[in-house]
């Protein structure tokens, strides 16, 4: 505290909705209403807000040009930080997403299995059991998942990427170290090289709308 950058960031924080399903449902309504007013957009999210583009896109897919998700809530189907308990029964979310074929068991909508990662340092993923259901409303929506080199997300963001690809979503994983940006943590947009990161993401935005 006392650093002007930190104090500005801290001043922007607001009360937190502790119920995931309530937060997702309300943001789906609000976000889709906003896009109906302003038109097609690229959705940019970070961390706990990373759930929101999934539910908005499912509601108004024709108004979403792309998604840039910086270290979104994950990994699929379970917690990873304070516990390893099951979570998000629809893989990415607590509330329903539109899958094809549609799930028939709403208590356990998606069958899952553990799939090991071949790359050292990456977590075992919980993915859909094959044949996987597809995210029907994400056709034509490009997704970029962004992960910092030194973040606690680094071991498991790849599971979110694998889940999205398995569900038929056009997804790319941008690990910042792969483009020479080293040492960042989870709040990469607050760090000294944030302009460099912003420039990389701006180029990806241009590609999505081009």
Foldseek 3Di string as FASTA:
>chain_A
DPPVLVVVVVVPDDDDDPDFVVVQVVLLVVVLVVCVVVAADEAEEAEARQLNVQSNCQVPVVRYLAYEYELYQDDFQAHDDPDGHGDALCGSGVDDADWVVFAPDPVNRFAWDWADDPDPLAGTAIEGDPPGIARVSQVNYEYEYEYEDPEPSVRYVVNNQVRNVSNPHNYDYHYPVVVPDHDDYRPNCSDPCNVVVVVVVVVVVVVSVD
